[in-house]
Amino acid sequence: MSVILYGYHYSVYTRIVRMVLAAKDIAYRYVEIDPFSDNPDLAYLDLHPFGRVPVIRNGDFVLYETAPIARYLDEISPPVLLSPPDPESRALMMQMIQIADSYGYWPMVRQLFAHRVFRVAEGEEPEENVIAEGKVASRKVCEALDKLAGDGDFLTGAAISHADLHLGAMMAYFTLAPEGLEIVNSFPRLQRWWQGMASHALLRKTDPGLPVA
């Protein structure tokens, strides 16, 4: 394989793909892309028409959107897959990923983490009204995830899955904000899962750190 990952250093979704690559021991070359640039790279828009990250290229095959990238990388690197063996657990895995993407990413990462932690690291002032909105929406998301989480070490059972990597990347940012950690700790199953997942080697290896003002 000759995999190239195009991503943004601080992107949650780039980190998810990096965790899959690390979990499956896939060698790759990394290319940094700034999706917030006012002057987007026109060549990159040929790879991703919406100018977002991440994108992977494997030979002549190009793929964007995190969930299909993660499944593709998983399936081309057997034998141990990052999906549960039974259809019900796989469906729950996908449900949790969809919840995180549709309802969790914006309040947990773009509102709470970005304003309470990332902006401060860059020397900017947080917007408290945005943080307050993020707290309300994030609590609802965490409540839903807590009800779906299993009793094992990981979200869908005894083995790590795509759900753990997907949610783990978001939670790593979310819980850096005191409000985020407080919310997670108010839900027993989610708290237990995060206490184990927070120190997982895949998260440690892919920690992007924070900017320095």
N, C-alpha and C. Protein backbone atom coordinates (compact mmCIF):
# COMPACT_ATOMS: atom_id res chain seq x y z
N MET A 1 0.83 -1.20 0.00
CA MET A 1 0.00 0.00 0.00
C MET A 1 0.87 1.25 0.00
N SER A 2 0.36 2.31 -0.63
CA SER A 2 1.07 3.60 -0.62
C SER A 2 0.06 4.66 -0.20
N VAL A 3 -0.31 4.62 1.07
CA VAL A 3 -1.37 5.47 1.60
C VAL A 3 -0.85 6.87 1.90
N ILE A 4 -1.60 7.87 1.46
CA ILE A 4 -1.34 9.27 1.80
C ILE A 4 -2.55 9.78 2.56
N LEU A 5 -2.32 10.40 3.71
CA LEU A 5 -3.38 11.02 4.49
C LEU A 5 -3.24 12.53 4.40
N TYR A 6 -4.29 13.17 3.92
CA TYR A 6 -4.37 14.63 3.90
C TYR A 6 -5.23 15.05 5.09
N GLY A 7 -4.68 15.88 5.96
CA GLY A 7 -5.43 16.24 7.15
C GLY A 7 -4.98 17.56 7.73
N TYR A 8 -5.67 17.96 8.78
CA TYR A 8 -5.35 19.17 9.53
C TYR A 8 -4.92 18.74 10.93
N HIS A 9 -3.81 19.26 11.40
CA HIS A 9 -3.18 18.79 12.63
C HIS A 9 -4.15 18.70 13.81
N TYR A 10 -5.00 19.71 13.98
CA TYR A 10 -5.86 19.75 15.15
C TYR A 10 -7.25 19.16 14.91
N SER A 11 -7.47 18.59 13.74
CA SER A 11 -8.79 18.07 13.39
C SER A 11 -9.12 16.78 14.14
N VAL A 12 -10.29 16.75 14.77
CA VAL A 12 -10.79 15.52 15.39
C VAL A 12 -10.86 14.40 14.37
N TYR A 13 -11.35 14.72 13.19
CA TYR A 13 -11.58 13.68 12.19
C TYR A 13 -10.27 13.16 11.58
N THR A 14 -9.29 14.03 11.47
CA THR A 14 -7.96 13.56 11.07
C THR A 14 -7.40 12.62 12.13
N ARG A 15 -7.60 12.96 13.38
CA ARG A 15 -7.10 12.11 14.47
C ARG A 15 -7.76 10.73 14.45
N ILE A 16 -9.05 10.68 14.14
CA ILE A 16 -9.74 9.39 14.06
C ILE A 16 -9.07 8.50 13.03
N VAL A 17 -8.80 9.05 11.86
CA VAL A 17 -8.16 8.26 10.81
C VAL A 17 -6.75 7.86 11.22
N ARG A 18 -6.03 8.76 11.87
CA ARG A 18 -4.69 8.43 12.34
C ARG A 18 -4.73 7.28 13.35
N MET A 19 -5.77 7.23 14.18
CA MET A 19 -5.90 6.14 15.13
C MET A 19 -6.16 4.82 14.42
N VAL A 20 -6.99 4.85 13.38
CA VAL A 20 -7.24 3.63 12.61
C VAL A 20 -5.94 3.16 11.95
N LEU A 21 -5.21 4.08 11.36
CA LEU A 21 -3.94 3.72 10.73
C LEU A 21 -2.97 3.11 11.75
N ALA A 22 -2.94 3.69 12.95
CA ALA A 22 -2.06 3.15 13.99
C ALA A 22 -2.54 1.79 14.48
N ALA A 23 -3.85 1.65 14.64
CA ALA A 23 -4.42 0.38 15.12
C ALA A 23 -4.14 -0.75 14.15
N LYS A 24 -4.17 -0.44 12.86
CA LYS A 24 -3.96 -1.48 11.84
C LYS A 24 -2.52 -1.53 11.34
N ASP A 25 -1.66 -0.72 11.95
CA ASP A 25 -0.22 -0.71 11.62
C ASP A 25 0.00 -0.48 10.13
N ILE A 26 -0.69 0.54 9.59
CA ILE A 26 -0.57 0.90 8.18
C ILE A 26 0.40 2.07 8.05
N ALA A 27 1.43 1.91 7.28
CA ALA A 27 2.36 3.01 7.03
C ALA A 27 1.70 4.01 6.08
N TYR A 28 1.99 5.29 6.29
CA TYR A 28 1.39 6.32 5.44
C TYR A 28 2.24 7.57 5.44
N ARG A 29 1.99 8.39 4.43
CA ARG A 29 2.61 9.71 4.35
C ARG A 29 1.55 10.75 4.67
N TYR A 30 1.94 11.77 5.43
CA TYR A 30 0.98 12.78 5.88
C TYR A 30 1.21 14.10 5.15
N VAL A 31 0.11 14.70 4.71
CA VAL A 31 0.15 16.02 4.06
C VAL A 31 -0.79 16.94 4.81
N GLU A 32 -0.27 18.05 5.33
CA GLU A 32 -1.07 19.01 6.09
C GLU A 32 -1.89 19.90 5.16
N ILE A 33 -3.18 20.02 5.49
CA ILE A 33 -4.11 20.86 4.75
C ILE A 33 -4.85 21.75 5.75
N ASP A 34 -4.94 23.03 5.47
CA ASP A 34 -5.68 23.94 6.35
C ASP A 34 -7.07 24.18 5.74
N PRO A 35 -8.10 23.53 6.29
CA PRO A 35 -9.44 23.69 5.71
C PRO A 35 -10.05 25.07 5.99
N PHE A 36 -9.41 25.85 6.84
CA PHE A 36 -9.92 27.18 7.18
C PHE A 36 -9.24 28.29 6.38
N SER A 37 -8.35 27.92 5.48
CA SER A 37 -7.61 28.91 4.70
C SER A 37 -8.55 29.68 3.76
N ASP A 38 -8.27 30.97 3.61
CA ASP A 38 -9.04 31.80 2.66
C ASP A 38 -8.61 31.56 1.22
N ASN A 39 -7.49 30.87 1.06
CA ASN A 39 -6.98 30.57 -0.29
C ASN A 39 -6.79 29.06 -0.43
N PRO A 40 -7.88 28.34 -0.64
CA PRO A 40 -7.78 26.87 -0.71
C PRO A 40 -6.94 26.41 -1.89
N ASP A 41 -6.28 25.30 -1.67
CA ASP A 41 -5.46 24.68 -2.72
C ASP A 41 -6.39 24.08 -3.76
N LEU A 42 -6.32 24.58 -4.98
CA LEU A 42 -7.23 24.10 -6.03
C LEU A 42 -6.99 22.62 -6.34
N ALA A 43 -5.75 22.18 -6.23
CA ALA A 43 -5.45 20.77 -6.47
C ALA A 43 -6.12 19.90 -5.41
N TYR A 44 -6.17 20.42 -4.18
CA TYR A 44 -6.82 19.65 -3.11
C TYR A 44 -8.32 19.56 -3.34
N LEU A 45 -8.92 20.60 -3.91
CA LEU A 45 -10.35 20.57 -4.19
C LEU A 45 -10.70 19.51 -5.22
N ASP A 46 -9.73 19.07 -5.99
CA ASP A 46 -9.95 17.94 -6.90
C ASP A 46 -10.10 16.64 -6.12
N LEU A 47 -9.48 16.59 -4.94
CA LEU A 47 -9.59 15.41 -4.09
C LEU A 47 -10.85 15.47 -3.22
N HIS A 48 -11.14 16.65 -2.70
CA HIS A 48 -12.31 16.85 -1.83
C HIS A 48 -13.03 18.11 -2.28
N PRO A 49 -14.15 17.97 -2.98
CA PRO A 49 -14.82 19.13 -3.56
C PRO A 49 -15.32 20.13 -2.54
N PHE A 50 -15.44 19.71 -1.27
CA PHE A 50 -15.91 20.62 -0.22
C PHE A 50 -14.77 21.20 0.60
N GLY A 51 -13.54 20.79 0.28
CA GLY A 51 -12.37 21.38 0.91
C GLY A 51 -12.15 21.02 2.36
N ARG A 52 -12.78 19.94 2.83
CA ARG A 52 -12.64 19.56 4.23
C ARG A 52 -11.55 18.50 4.38
N VAL A 53 -11.34 18.05 5.62
CA VAL A 53 -10.39 16.96 5.90
C VAL A 53 -11.12 15.92 6.74
N PRO A 54 -10.62 14.68 6.69
CA PRO A 54 -9.45 14.16 5.98
C PRO A 54 -9.81 13.59 4.61
N VAL A 55 -8.74 13.31 3.86
CA VAL A 55 -8.81 12.56 2.60
C VAL A 55 -7.69 11.54 2.62
N ILE A 56 -7.93 10.37 2.06
CA ILE A 56 -6.83 9.43 1.87
C ILE A 56 -6.71 9.09 0.39
N ARG A 57 -5.49 8.81 -0.01
CA ARG A 57 -5.22 8.29 -1.34
C ARG A 57 -4.42 7.00 -1.16
N ASN A 58 -4.88 5.96 -1.80
CA ASN A 58 -4.16 4.69 -1.81
C ASN A 58 -3.95 4.30 -3.26
N GLY A 59 -2.78 4.61 -3.78
CA GLY A 59 -2.56 4.43 -5.21
C GLY A 59 -3.42 5.41 -5.98
N ASP A 60 -4.28 4.91 -6.84
CA ASP A 60 -5.18 5.76 -7.62
C ASP A 60 -6.53 5.96 -6.94
N PHE A 61 -6.74 5.29 -5.80
CA PHE A 61 -8.03 5.35 -5.12
C PHE A 61 -8.04 6.51 -4.12
N VAL A 62 -9.03 7.40 -4.25
CA VAL A 62 -9.16 8.56 -3.37
C VAL A 62 -10.50 8.47 -2.63
N LEU A 63 -10.47 8.76 -1.34
CA LEU A 63 -11.69 8.64 -0.52
C LEU A 63 -11.73 9.77 0.49
N TYR A 64 -12.89 10.40 0.63
CA TYR A 64 -13.07 11.38 1.69
C TYR A 64 -14.31 11.03 2.51
N GLU A 65 -14.45 11.70 3.67
CA GLU A 65 -15.42 11.43 4.74
C GLU A 65 -14.85 10.35 5.67
N THR A 66 -14.82 10.70 6.96
CA THR A 66 -14.09 9.91 7.95
C THR A 66 -14.60 8.49 8.12
N ALA A 67 -15.91 8.32 8.26
CA ALA A 67 -16.44 6.97 8.51
C ALA A 67 -16.11 5.99 7.39
N PRO A 68 -16.35 6.33 6.11
CA PRO A 68 -15.95 5.39 5.07
C PRO A 68 -14.44 5.19 4.97
N ILE A 69 -13.66 6.23 5.26
CA ILE A 69 -12.20 6.05 5.27
C ILE A 69 -11.80 5.02 6.33
N ALA A 70 -12.38 5.16 7.52
CA ALA A 70 -12.04 4.25 8.62
C ALA A 70 -12.41 2.81 8.27
N ARG A 71 -13.61 2.60 7.69
CA ARG A 71 -14.01 1.24 7.32
C ARG A 71 -13.11 0.67 6.22
N TYR A 72 -12.78 1.50 5.26
CA TYR A 72 -11.94 1.05 4.15
C TYR A 72 -10.57 0.61 4.66
N LEU A 73 -9.93 1.44 5.46
CA LEU A 73 -8.62 1.10 5.99
C LEU A 73 -8.68 -0.17 6.83
N ASP A 74 -9.75 -0.32 7.57
CA ASP A 74 -9.93 -1.50 8.41
C ASP A 74 -10.03 -2.76 7.55
N GLU A 75 -10.82 -2.68 6.50
CA GLU A 75 -11.10 -3.86 5.68
C GLU A 75 -9.94 -4.28 4.79
N ILE A 76 -9.07 -3.34 4.44
CA ILE A 76 -7.93 -3.72 3.59
C ILE A 76 -6.73 -4.17 4.41
N SER A 77 -6.91 -4.23 5.73
CA SER A 77 -5.79 -4.64 6.59
C SER A 77 -6.26 -5.66 7.62
N PRO A 78 -6.65 -6.85 7.17
CA PRO A 78 -7.08 -7.90 8.11
C PRO A 78 -5.86 -8.39 8.91
N PRO A 79 -6.04 -9.32 9.88
CA PRO A 79 -7.26 -10.09 10.08
C PRO A 79 -8.22 -9.53 11.13
N VAL A 80 -7.71 -8.85 12.16
CA VAL A 80 -8.59 -8.39 13.24
C VAL A 80 -9.24 -7.08 12.83
N LEU A 81 -10.57 -7.07 12.79
CA LEU A 81 -11.30 -5.89 12.36
C LEU A 81 -11.77 -5.06 13.55
N LEU A 82 -12.01 -3.77 13.30
CA LEU A 82 -12.44 -2.84 14.33
C LEU A 82 -13.96 -2.74 14.40
N SER A 83 -14.64 -3.79 14.00
CA SER A 83 -16.10 -3.85 14.06
C SER A 83 -16.51 -5.08 14.83
N PRO A 84 -17.58 -5.02 15.62
CA PRO A 84 -18.04 -6.20 16.35
C PRO A 84 -18.50 -7.29 15.39
N PRO A 85 -18.49 -8.55 15.83
CA PRO A 85 -18.84 -9.66 14.93
C PRO A 85 -20.33 -9.81 14.66
N ASP A 86 -21.19 -9.32 15.54
CA ASP A 86 -22.63 -9.53 15.37
C ASP A 86 -23.30 -8.28 14.82
N PRO A 87 -24.38 -8.45 14.05
CA PRO A 87 -25.01 -7.31 13.38
C PRO A 87 -25.61 -6.28 14.33
N GLU A 88 -26.13 -6.73 15.47
CA GLU A 88 -26.71 -5.78 16.42
C GLU A 88 -25.65 -4.84 16.98
N SER A 89 -24.52 -5.40 17.37
CA SER A 89 -23.44 -4.55 17.92
C SER A 89 -22.87 -3.63 16.85
N ARG A 90 -22.78 -4.12 15.61
CA ARG A 90 -22.30 -3.26 14.53
C ARG A 90 -23.28 -2.11 14.29
N ALA A 91 -24.57 -2.41 14.38
CA ALA A 91 -25.57 -1.35 14.21
C ALA A 91 -25.47 -0.32 15.33
N LEU A 92 -25.26 -0.78 16.56
CA LEU A 92 -25.10 0.15 17.68
C LEU A 92 -23.83 0.98 17.52
N MET A 93 -22.78 0.36 17.02
CA MET A 93 -21.54 1.09 16.75
C MET A 93 -21.80 2.24 15.78
N MET A 94 -22.49 1.94 14.68
CA MET A 94 -22.79 2.97 13.70
C MET A 94 -23.73 4.03 14.26
N GLN A 95 -24.67 3.61 15.10
CA GLN A 95 -25.59 4.57 15.71
C GLN A 95 -24.83 5.57 16.58
N MET A 96 -23.89 5.08 17.38
CA MET A 96 -23.12 5.97 18.24
C MET A 96 -22.25 6.93 17.42
N ILE A 97 -21.69 6.43 16.33
CA ILE A 97 -20.89 7.29 15.46
C ILE A 97 -21.76 8.38 14.84
N GLN A 98 -22.95 7.99 14.39
CA GLN A 98 -23.86 8.97 13.79
C GLN A 98 -24.31 10.02 14.81
N ILE A 99 -24.57 9.59 16.04
CA ILE A 99 -24.94 10.53 17.10
C ILE A 99 -23.81 11.53 17.32
N ALA A 100 -22.59 11.01 17.41
CA ALA A 100 -21.44 11.89 17.63
C ALA A 100 -21.29 12.90 16.51
N ASP A 101 -21.41 12.44 15.26
CA ASP A 101 -21.23 13.32 14.12
C ASP A 101 -22.38 14.33 13.98
N SER A 102 -23.61 13.84 14.13
CA SER A 102 -24.78 14.68 13.86
C SER A 102 -25.11 15.65 15.00
N TYR A 103 -24.90 15.20 16.24
CA TYR A 103 -25.34 15.99 17.38
C TYR A 103 -24.24 16.36 18.36
N GLY A 104 -23.10 15.64 18.32
CA GLY A 104 -22.08 15.86 19.33
C GLY A 104 -20.93 16.76 18.92
N TYR A 105 -20.47 16.63 17.68
CA TYR A 105 -19.26 17.34 17.28
C TYR A 105 -19.36 18.84 17.49
N TRP A 106 -20.45 19.43 17.03
CA TRP A 106 -20.54 20.89 17.11
C TRP A 106 -20.55 21.40 18.55
N PRO A 107 -21.47 20.94 19.42
CA PRO A 107 -21.45 21.50 20.78
C PRO A 107 -20.23 21.07 21.60
N MET A 108 -19.79 19.83 21.42
CA MET A 108 -18.71 19.33 22.27
C MET A 108 -17.34 19.87 21.86
N VAL A 109 -17.11 19.96 20.55
CA VAL A 109 -15.79 20.37 20.06
C VAL A 109 -15.77 21.83 19.62
N ARG A 110 -16.67 22.19 18.72
CA ARG A 110 -16.62 23.53 18.15
C ARG A 110 -17.13 24.61 19.10
N GLN A 111 -17.97 24.25 20.03
CA GLN A 111 -18.46 25.24 20.98
C GLN A 111 -17.71 25.16 22.31
N LEU A 112 -17.84 24.02 23.01
CA LEU A 112 -17.27 23.96 24.36
C LEU A 112 -15.74 23.91 24.35
N PHE A 113 -15.17 22.95 23.66
CA PHE A 113 -13.71 22.85 23.64
C PHE A 113 -13.06 24.05 22.95
N ALA A 114 -13.57 24.41 21.78
CA ALA A 114 -12.93 25.47 21.01
C ALA A 114 -12.91 26.79 21.78
N HIS A 115 -14.00 27.09 22.48
CA HIS A 115 -14.07 28.38 23.18
C HIS A 115 -13.42 28.34 24.56
N ARG A 116 -13.58 27.24 25.27
CA ARG A 116 -13.01 27.19 26.63
C ARG A 116 -11.52 26.88 26.62
N VAL A 117 -11.04 26.11 25.63
CA VAL A 117 -9.65 25.63 25.65
C VAL A 117 -8.84 26.15 24.46
N PHE A 118 -9.30 25.89 23.24
CA PHE A 118 -8.48 26.18 22.05
C PHE A 118 -8.27 27.67 21.87
N ARG A 119 -9.33 28.45 22.00
CA ARG A 119 -9.19 29.91 21.83
C ARG A 119 -8.26 30.49 22.89
N VAL A 120 -8.37 30.01 24.10
CA VAL A 120 -7.51 30.51 25.17
C VAL A 120 -6.05 30.18 24.87
N ALA A 121 -5.81 28.95 24.36
CA ALA A 121 -4.44 28.56 24.00
C ALA A 121 -3.88 29.46 22.91
N GLU A 122 -4.75 29.98 22.04
CA GLU A 122 -4.32 30.87 20.97
C GLU A 122 -4.26 32.33 21.41
N GLY A 123 -4.60 32.58 22.68
CA GLY A 123 -4.56 33.94 23.20
C GLY A 123 -5.81 34.74 22.92
N GLU A 124 -6.90 34.07 22.60
CA GLU A 124 -8.17 34.74 22.32
C GLU A 124 -9.14 34.56 23.48
N GLU A 125 -10.17 35.39 23.51
CA GLU A 125 -11.17 35.31 24.56
C GLU A 125 -12.28 34.34 24.17
N PRO A 126 -12.72 33.50 25.12
CA PRO A 126 -13.86 32.63 24.84
C PRO A 126 -15.17 33.41 24.85
N GLU A 127 -16.17 32.88 24.18
CA GLU A 127 -17.50 33.46 24.21
C GLU A 127 -18.37 32.61 25.14
N GLU A 128 -18.70 33.17 26.30
CA GLU A 128 -19.39 32.40 27.33
C GLU A 128 -20.78 31.97 26.89
N ASN A 129 -21.44 32.75 26.06
CA ASN A 129 -22.77 32.36 25.60
C ASN A 129 -22.71 31.13 24.70
N VAL A 130 -21.64 31.03 23.92
CA VAL A 130 -21.44 29.85 23.06
C VAL A 130 -21.15 28.62 23.93
N ILE A 131 -20.34 28.79 24.96
CA ILE A 131 -20.03 27.70 25.88
C ILE A 131 -21.29 27.22 26.57
N ALA A 132 -22.15 28.15 26.99
CA ALA A 132 -23.40 27.78 27.65
C ALA A 132 -24.30 26.96 26.73
N GLU A 133 -24.38 27.36 25.47
CA GLU A 133 -25.17 26.60 24.49
C GLU A 133 -24.58 25.20 24.31
N GLY A 134 -23.25 25.13 24.23
CA GLY A 134 -22.59 23.85 24.05
C GLY A 134 -22.82 22.90 25.21
N LYS A 135 -22.86 23.43 26.43
CA LYS A 135 -23.09 22.59 27.61
C LYS A 135 -24.45 21.91 27.54
N VAL A 136 -25.46 22.66 27.18
CA VAL A 136 -26.83 22.12 27.13
C VAL A 136 -26.93 21.01 26.10
N ALA A 137 -26.44 21.28 24.89
CA ALA A 137 -26.53 20.29 23.82
C ALA A 137 -25.64 19.08 24.09
N SER A 138 -24.47 19.31 24.66
CA SER A 138 -23.54 18.21 24.93
C SER A 138 -24.11 17.26 25.98
N ARG A 139 -24.78 17.79 26.96
CA ARG A 139 -25.36 16.93 28.00
C ARG A 139 -26.38 15.96 27.40
N LYS A 140 -27.18 16.45 26.47
CA LYS A 140 -28.17 15.59 25.83
C LYS A 140 -27.49 14.48 25.04
N VAL A 141 -26.41 14.82 24.35
CA VAL A 141 -25.65 13.83 23.59
C VAL A 141 -25.05 12.77 24.52
N CYS A 142 -24.44 13.21 25.59
CA CYS A 142 -23.81 12.28 26.53
C CYS A 142 -24.85 11.38 27.21
N GLU A 143 -26.02 11.92 27.45
CA GLU A 143 -27.09 11.10 28.03
C GLU A 143 -27.49 9.98 27.07
N ALA A 144 -27.62 10.32 25.79
CA ALA A 144 -27.97 9.31 24.79
C ALA A 144 -26.88 8.25 24.67
N LEU A 145 -25.62 8.68 24.65
CA LEU A 145 -24.51 7.73 24.53
C LEU A 145 -24.39 6.84 25.76
N ASP A 146 -24.67 7.38 26.93
CA ASP A 146 -24.60 6.61 28.16
C ASP A 146 -25.62 5.46 28.15
N LYS A 147 -26.78 5.72 27.58
CA LYS A 147 -27.81 4.68 27.50
C LYS A 147 -27.44 3.57 26.53
N LEU A 148 -26.62 3.90 25.53
CA LEU A 148 -26.24 2.92 24.51
C LEU A 148 -24.97 2.16 24.86
N ALA A 149 -24.15 2.73 25.72
CA ALA A 149 -22.86 2.11 26.05
C ALA A 149 -23.07 0.76 26.74
N GLY A 150 -22.22 -0.21 26.40
CA GLY A 150 -22.31 -1.53 27.00
C GLY A 150 -21.62 -1.58 28.36
N ASP A 151 -21.59 -2.78 28.93
CA ASP A 151 -20.99 -2.96 30.25
C ASP A 151 -19.53 -3.40 30.18
N GLY A 152 -19.01 -3.60 28.96
CA GLY A 152 -17.62 -4.02 28.81
C GLY A 152 -16.66 -2.86 28.88
N ASP A 153 -15.40 -3.12 28.57
CA ASP A 153 -14.38 -2.07 28.61
C ASP A 153 -14.57 -1.05 27.49
N PHE A 154 -15.21 -1.50 26.41
CA PHE A 154 -15.39 -0.63 25.26
C PHE A 154 -16.88 -0.45 24.97
N LEU A 155 -17.20 0.46 24.09
CA LEU A 155 -18.59 0.87 23.90
C LEU A 155 -19.49 -0.24 23.40
N THR A 156 -18.94 -1.13 22.56
CA THR A 156 -19.78 -2.18 21.99
C THR A 156 -19.36 -3.58 22.43
N GLY A 157 -18.58 -3.70 23.50
CA GLY A 157 -18.21 -5.02 23.97
C GLY A 157 -16.81 -5.09 24.52
N ALA A 158 -16.19 -6.26 24.37
CA ALA A 158 -14.89 -6.50 24.98
C ALA A 158 -13.72 -6.00 24.13
N ALA A 159 -13.98 -5.71 22.85
CA ALA A 159 -12.90 -5.28 21.96
C ALA A 159 -13.13 -3.86 21.47
N ILE A 160 -12.04 -3.16 21.21
CA ILE A 160 -12.15 -1.79 20.71
C ILE A 160 -12.77 -1.79 19.31
N SER A 161 -13.56 -0.77 19.03
CA SER A 161 -14.23 -0.69 17.74
C SER A 161 -14.13 0.73 17.19
N HIS A 162 -14.68 0.91 15.99
CA HIS A 162 -14.70 2.24 15.38
C HIS A 162 -15.40 3.26 16.29
N ALA A 163 -16.40 2.82 17.03
CA ALA A 163 -17.12 3.74 17.92
C ALA A 163 -16.18 4.32 18.98
N ASP A 164 -15.32 3.49 19.53
CA ASP A 164 -14.38 3.96 20.56
C ASP A 164 -13.39 4.98 20.00
N LEU A 165 -12.91 4.73 18.78
CA LEU A 165 -11.97 5.66 18.16
C LEU A 165 -12.65 6.96 17.80
N HIS A 166 -13.84 6.86 17.20
CA HIS A 166 -14.58 8.04 16.77
C HIS A 166 -14.94 8.92 17.96
N LEU A 167 -15.55 8.32 18.97
CA LEU A 167 -15.94 9.09 20.15
C LEU A 167 -14.73 9.48 20.99
N GLY A 168 -13.71 8.61 21.00
CA GLY A 168 -12.53 8.91 21.80
C GLY A 168 -11.86 10.20 21.37
N ALA A 169 -11.76 10.43 20.06
CA ALA A 169 -11.13 11.65 19.57
C ALA A 169 -11.91 12.89 20.00
N MET A 170 -13.24 12.80 19.96
CA MET A 170 -14.06 13.93 20.39
C MET A 170 -13.98 14.14 21.89
N MET A 171 -14.04 13.04 22.65
CA MET A 171 -14.01 13.14 24.11
C MET A 171 -12.67 13.68 24.60
N ALA A 172 -11.60 13.36 23.88
CA ALA A 172 -10.28 13.84 24.29
C ALA A 172 -10.25 15.36 24.32
N TYR A 173 -10.89 15.99 23.34
CA TYR A 173 -11.00 17.45 23.33
C TYR A 173 -12.06 17.93 24.33
N PHE A 174 -13.21 17.31 24.29
CA PHE A 174 -14.34 17.73 25.11
C PHE A 174 -13.99 17.77 26.60
N THR A 175 -13.28 16.74 27.07
CA THR A 175 -12.98 16.65 28.50
C THR A 175 -11.80 17.51 28.93
N LEU A 176 -11.12 18.17 27.98
CA LEU A 176 -10.13 19.16 28.36
C LEU A 176 -10.79 20.41 28.94
N ALA A 177 -12.04 20.63 28.57
CA ALA A 177 -12.82 21.71 29.17
C ALA A 177 -13.41 21.21 30.48
N PRO A 178 -13.26 21.93 31.57
CA PRO A 178 -13.80 21.46 32.86
C PRO A 178 -15.28 21.13 32.78
N GLU A 179 -16.02 21.92 32.01
CA GLU A 179 -17.46 21.66 31.88
C GLU A 179 -17.71 20.33 31.18
N GLY A 180 -16.88 20.02 30.19
CA GLY A 180 -17.04 18.76 29.48
C GLY A 180 -16.75 17.56 30.37
N LEU A 181 -15.67 17.63 31.13
CA LEU A 181 -15.33 16.54 32.04
C LEU A 181 -16.42 16.35 33.09
N GLU A 182 -16.97 17.44 33.58
CA GLU A 182 -18.04 17.36 34.57
C GLU A 182 -19.27 16.66 33.99
N ILE A 183 -19.60 16.97 32.74
CA ILE A 183 -20.75 16.33 32.09
C ILE A 183 -20.50 14.83 31.94
N VAL A 184 -19.34 14.44 31.43
CA VAL A 184 -19.03 13.02 31.25
C VAL A 184 -19.10 12.29 32.58
N ASN A 185 -18.57 12.89 33.63
CA ASN A 185 -18.53 12.24 34.93
C ASN A 185 -19.90 12.11 35.58
N SER A 186 -20.90 12.75 35.02
CA SER A 186 -22.26 12.64 35.57
C SER A 186 -23.03 11.47 34.97
N PHE A 187 -22.41 10.74 34.04
CA PHE A 187 -23.06 9.58 33.43
C PHE A 187 -22.18 8.35 33.67
N PRO A 188 -22.63 7.41 34.52
CA PRO A 188 -21.76 6.32 35.01
C PRO A 188 -21.11 5.46 33.93
N ARG A 189 -21.87 5.02 32.93
CA ARG A 189 -21.29 4.15 31.91
C ARG A 189 -20.29 4.91 31.05
N LEU A 190 -20.66 6.11 30.70
CA LEU A 190 -19.77 6.94 29.88
C LEU A 190 -18.51 7.28 30.66
N GLN A 191 -18.65 7.58 31.93
CA GLN A 191 -17.49 7.88 32.78
C GLN A 191 -16.55 6.68 32.88
N ARG A 192 -17.12 5.49 33.10
CA ARG A 192 -16.29 4.29 33.22
C ARG A 192 -15.54 4.02 31.92
N TRP A 193 -16.26 4.14 30.80
CA TRP A 193 -15.61 3.94 29.50
C TRP A 193 -14.48 4.94 29.30
N TRP A 194 -14.73 6.22 29.58
CA TRP A 194 -13.73 7.24 29.31
C TRP A 194 -12.52 7.10 30.23
N GLN A 195 -12.73 6.66 31.45
CA GLN A 195 -11.59 6.46 32.35
C GLN A 195 -10.60 5.46 31.79
N GLY A 196 -11.11 4.45 31.08
CA GLY A 196 -10.23 3.48 30.44
C GLY A 196 -9.69 3.96 29.11
N MET A 197 -10.56 4.58 28.33
CA MET A 197 -10.19 4.99 26.98
C MET A 197 -9.21 6.16 26.99
N ALA A 198 -9.30 7.02 27.96
CA ALA A 198 -8.49 8.24 27.98
C ALA A 198 -6.99 7.95 27.98
N SER A 199 -6.61 6.80 28.53
CA SER A 199 -5.17 6.47 28.58
C SER A 199 -4.77 5.45 27.52
N HIS A 200 -5.66 5.18 26.57
CA HIS A 200 -5.35 4.19 25.55
C HIS A 200 -4.18 4.65 24.68
N ALA A 201 -3.36 3.71 24.28
CA ALA A 201 -2.15 4.04 23.50
C ALA A 201 -2.49 4.74 22.19
N LEU A 202 -3.60 4.38 21.56
CA LEU A 202 -3.96 5.00 20.28
C LEU A 202 -4.27 6.48 20.44
N LEU A 203 -4.85 6.87 21.55
CA LEU A 203 -5.10 8.29 21.82
C LEU A 203 -3.80 9.01 22.13
N ARG A 204 -2.94 8.37 22.92
CA ARG A 204 -1.67 9.01 23.29
C ARG A 204 -0.79 9.23 22.06
N LYS A 205 -0.74 8.23 21.18
CA LYS A 205 0.10 8.33 19.99
C LYS A 205 -0.33 9.43 19.03
N THR A 206 -1.61 9.76 19.05
CA THR A 206 -2.15 10.70 18.06
C THR A 206 -2.54 12.04 18.68
N ASP A 207 -2.09 12.31 19.89
CA ASP A 207 -2.42 13.57 20.56
C ASP A 207 -1.79 14.74 19.80
N PRO A 208 -2.62 15.65 19.27
CA PRO A 208 -2.06 16.77 18.52
C PRO A 208 -1.54 17.91 19.38
N GLY A 209 -1.83 17.85 20.70
CA GLY A 209 -1.45 18.96 21.55
C GLY A 209 -2.31 20.19 21.31
N LEU A 210 -1.87 21.32 21.84
CA LEU A 210 -2.59 22.57 21.68
C LEU A 210 -1.66 23.63 21.09
N PRO A 211 -2.22 24.61 20.40
CA PRO A 211 -1.37 25.68 19.87
C PRO A 211 -0.78 26.51 20.99
N VAL A 212 0.31 27.19 20.70
CA VAL A 212 0.96 28.07 21.67
C VAL A 212 0.79 29.51 21.18
N ALA A 213 0.19 30.34 22.02
CA ALA A 213 -0.07 31.73 21.63
C ALA A 213 1.23 32.49 21.40
